Amino acid sequence: MMGGMAELKQRLREDLTAAIRARDEPVLATIRMALAAISVEEVSGEAARELSDDEVLRVLTREAKKRREAAEAFAAAGRVVMAERERLEGEVLARYLPAQLADTQLRAIAREVVDEVAATLGVRPGQRQMGQVMKVATARVAGRAEGARVAKVIRELLQSG
């Protein structure tokens, strides 16, 4: 992308303005939190810089995962109101993330990747090649499934050999 701000970050800013106008407190709080997380990431390296859309997406994915885990923890502790708030924030963040792959789609991609790595290695990959397979699979999935989900499917495929 030439100069300028990442499109995703721009969309967040526009939606923040809309949420302020609509006095939509939950959306407002969630977008502010997301923009703050992006800002922290932008100044965390050697020098402050503008994040790319892919990097913004990684930050939002990480924040959405935190909300999901917090919602589960609150629900397990019987803190229904807190769990609901975390779930709502997760739903707001999900609007900015790519649609998640269904299990069947994820399995199909994982199978393709295992076959490709097998062709490259000249031998069917096993647990030892998990890292190689994960690297290719993670790139192919491109944020449409959590790493833990991808790893689980690949581990199953490598074990079933």
Protein backbone atom coordinates (compact mmCIF):
# COMPACT_ATOMS: atom_id res chain seq x y z
CA MET A 1 0.00 0.00 0.00
CA MET A 2 1.38 3.41 -0.93
CA GLY A 3 1.82 5.77 2.03
CA GLY A 4 -1.37 6.58 3.91
CA MET A 5 -3.06 4.67 6.64
CA ALA A 6 -4.00 1.01 6.56
CA GLU A 7 -7.55 0.70 5.21
CA LEU A 8 -8.61 -1.38 8.20
CA LYS A 9 -7.38 1.24 10.65
CA GLN A 10 -9.16 3.94 8.63
CA ARG A 11 -12.38 1.89 8.77
CA LEU A 12 -12.01 1.57 12.56
CA ARG A 13 -11.59 5.35 12.87
CA GLU A 14 -14.68 5.98 10.70
CA ASP A 15 -16.71 3.47 12.72
CA LEU A 16 -15.48 5.13 15.94
CA THR A 17 -16.87 8.46 14.71
CA ALA A 18 -20.17 6.79 13.80
CA ALA A 19 -20.35 5.10 17.23
CA ILE A 20 -19.73 8.46 18.95
CA ARG A 21 -22.56 10.04 16.94
CA ALA A 22 -24.88 7.10 17.65
CA ARG A 23 -23.82 7.08 21.34
CA ASP A 24 -23.25 3.32 20.94
CA GLU A 25 -21.24 2.82 24.12
CA PRO A 26 -20.29 -0.89 23.72
CA VAL A 27 -19.09 -0.42 20.12
CA LEU A 28 -17.36 2.83 21.06
CA ALA A 29 -15.46 1.22 23.95
CA THR A 30 -14.45 -1.79 21.83
CA ILE A 31 -13.17 0.26 18.89
CA ARG A 32 -11.26 2.60 21.24
CA MET A 33 -9.64 -0.46 22.84
CA ALA A 34 -8.75 -1.88 19.40
CA LEU A 35 -7.24 1.41 18.22
CA ALA A 36 -5.26 1.64 21.48
CA ALA A 37 -3.89 -1.89 20.93
CA ILE A 38 -2.90 -0.91 17.37
CA SER A 39 -1.17 2.26 18.67
CA VAL A 40 0.76 0.24 21.25
CA GLU A 41 1.91 -2.12 18.49
CA GLU A 42 2.94 0.84 16.30
CA VAL A 43 5.31 2.23 18.94
CA SER A 44 6.57 -1.12 20.27
CA GLY A 45 9.42 -1.63 17.77
CA GLU A 46 12.71 0.16 17.22
CA ALA A 47 10.93 3.15 15.70
CA ALA A 48 7.28 4.20 15.61
CA ARG A 49 5.63 3.22 12.35
CA GLU A 50 2.29 2.77 10.63
CA LEU A 51 1.03 -0.85 10.65
CA SER A 52 0.01 -2.59 7.42
CA ASP A 53 -3.50 -4.04 7.08
CA ASP A 54 -2.07 -7.53 7.76
CA GLU A 55 -0.45 -6.31 10.96
CA VAL A 56 -3.65 -4.52 12.04
CA LEU A 57 -5.51 -7.76 11.34
CA ARG A 58 -3.08 -9.68 13.57
CA VAL A 59 -3.65 -7.20 16.42
CA LEU A 60 -7.45 -7.45 16.03
CA THR A 61 -7.28 -11.26 15.88
CA ARG A 62 -5.23 -11.30 19.09
CA GLU A 63 -7.69 -8.92 20.80
CA ALA A 64 -10.68 -11.02 19.65
CA LYS A 65 -9.01 -14.15 21.05
CA LYS A 66 -8.48 -12.37 24.41
CA ARG A 67 -12.19 -11.47 24.50
CA ARG A 68 -13.24 -15.05 23.70
CA GLU A 69 -10.96 -16.48 26.41
CA ALA A 70 -12.11 -13.87 28.94
CA ALA A 71 -15.77 -14.58 28.12
CA GLU A 72 -15.19 -18.31 28.68
CA ALA A 73 -13.38 -17.65 31.98
CA PHE A 74 -16.11 -15.30 33.24
CA ALA A 75 -18.85 -17.73 32.17
CA ALA A 76 -17.09 -20.61 33.95
CA ALA A 77 -16.88 -18.44 37.09
CA GLY A 78 -20.60 -17.65 36.85
CA ARG A 79 -19.96 -13.95 36.07
CA VAL A 80 -22.65 -13.76 33.40
CA VAL A 81 -22.67 -9.97 32.92
CA MET A 82 -18.89 -9.79 32.48
CA ALA A 83 -18.94 -12.80 30.12
CA GLU A 84 -21.65 -11.14 28.03
CA ARG A 85 -19.68 -7.90 27.80
CA GLU A 86 -16.55 -9.75 26.61
CA ARG A 87 -18.66 -11.71 24.09
CA LEU A 88 -20.17 -8.48 22.76
CA GLU A 89 -16.70 -6.92 22.36
CA GLY A 90 -15.62 -10.08 20.50
CA GLU A 91 -18.58 -9.72 18.14
CA VAL A 92 -17.68 -6.09 17.42
CA LEU A 93 -14.07 -7.10 16.65
CA ALA A 94 -15.27 -9.99 14.45
CA ARG A 95 -16.76 -7.42 12.03
CA TYR A 96 -13.19 -6.50 11.05
CA LEU A 97 -11.83 -10.04 10.75
CA PRO A 98 -12.05 -12.37 7.75
CA ALA A 99 -14.83 -14.96 7.93
CA GLN A 100 -13.64 -18.02 9.82
CA LEU A 101 -13.20 -21.30 7.95
CA ALA A 102 -15.60 -24.14 8.61
CA ASP A 103 -13.98 -27.34 9.94
CA THR A 104 -14.41 -29.07 6.55
CA GLN A 105 -12.69 -26.17 4.74
CA LEU A 106 -9.86 -26.13 7.27
CA ARG A 107 -9.38 -29.91 6.93
CA ALA A 108 -9.27 -29.63 3.12
CA ILE A 109 -6.61 -26.88 3.27
CA ALA A 110 -4.59 -28.86 5.84
CA ARG A 111 -4.73 -31.97 3.61
CA GLU A 112 -3.48 -29.94 0.61
CA VAL A 113 -0.64 -28.50 2.66
CA VAL A 114 0.42 -31.93 4.02
CA ASP A 115 0.41 -33.27 0.44
CA GLU A 116 2.49 -30.29 -0.79
CA VAL A 117 5.05 -30.70 2.01
CA ALA A 118 5.15 -34.45 1.26
CA ALA A 119 5.89 -33.67 -2.41
CA THR A 120 8.65 -31.23 -1.39
CA LEU A 121 10.24 -33.63 1.10
CA GLY A 122 9.73 -36.71 -1.06
CA VAL A 123 8.32 -38.47 2.00
CA ARG A 124 5.09 -38.19 3.98
CA PRO A 125 5.64 -35.66 6.81
CA GLY A 126 5.36 -36.84 10.39
CA GLN A 127 5.29 -35.07 13.77
CA ARG A 128 8.90 -33.94 13.24
CA GLN A 129 7.82 -31.84 10.24
CA MET A 130 4.92 -30.25 12.15
CA GLY A 131 6.70 -26.86 12.08
CA GLN A 132 7.21 -26.94 8.32
CA VAL A 133 3.60 -27.94 7.70
CA MET A 134 2.29 -25.31 10.16
CA LYS A 135 4.30 -22.55 8.47
CA VAL A 136 2.70 -23.28 5.08
CA ALA A 137 -0.76 -23.87 6.57
CA THR A 138 -0.73 -20.66 8.61
CA ALA A 139 0.11 -18.63 5.49
CA ARG A 140 -2.63 -20.41 3.51
CA VAL A 141 -5.28 -19.94 6.22
CA ALA A 142 -4.40 -16.22 6.51
CA GLY A 143 -6.24 -15.38 9.72
CA ARG A 144 -9.36 -17.35 8.86
CA ALA A 145 -8.73 -19.87 11.67
CA GLU A 146 -6.92 -19.67 14.99
CA GLY A 147 -3.49 -21.24 15.18
CA ALA A 148 -4.65 -23.75 17.80
CA ARG A 149 -7.40 -24.99 15.44
CA VAL A 150 -4.94 -25.29 12.54
CA ALA A 151 -2.41 -27.14 14.71
CA LYS A 152 -5.06 -29.58 15.98
CA VAL A 153 -6.17 -30.52 12.45
CA ILE A 154 -2.59 -30.87 11.19
CA ARG A 155 -1.56 -32.95 14.21
CA GLU A 156 -4.49 -35.30 13.51
CA LEU A 157 -3.52 -35.59 9.83
CA LEU A 158 0.15 -36.26 10.64
CA GLN A 159 -0.75 -38.92 13.19
CA SER A 160 -3.19 -40.72 10.89
CA GLY A 161 -0.43 -40.70 8.23
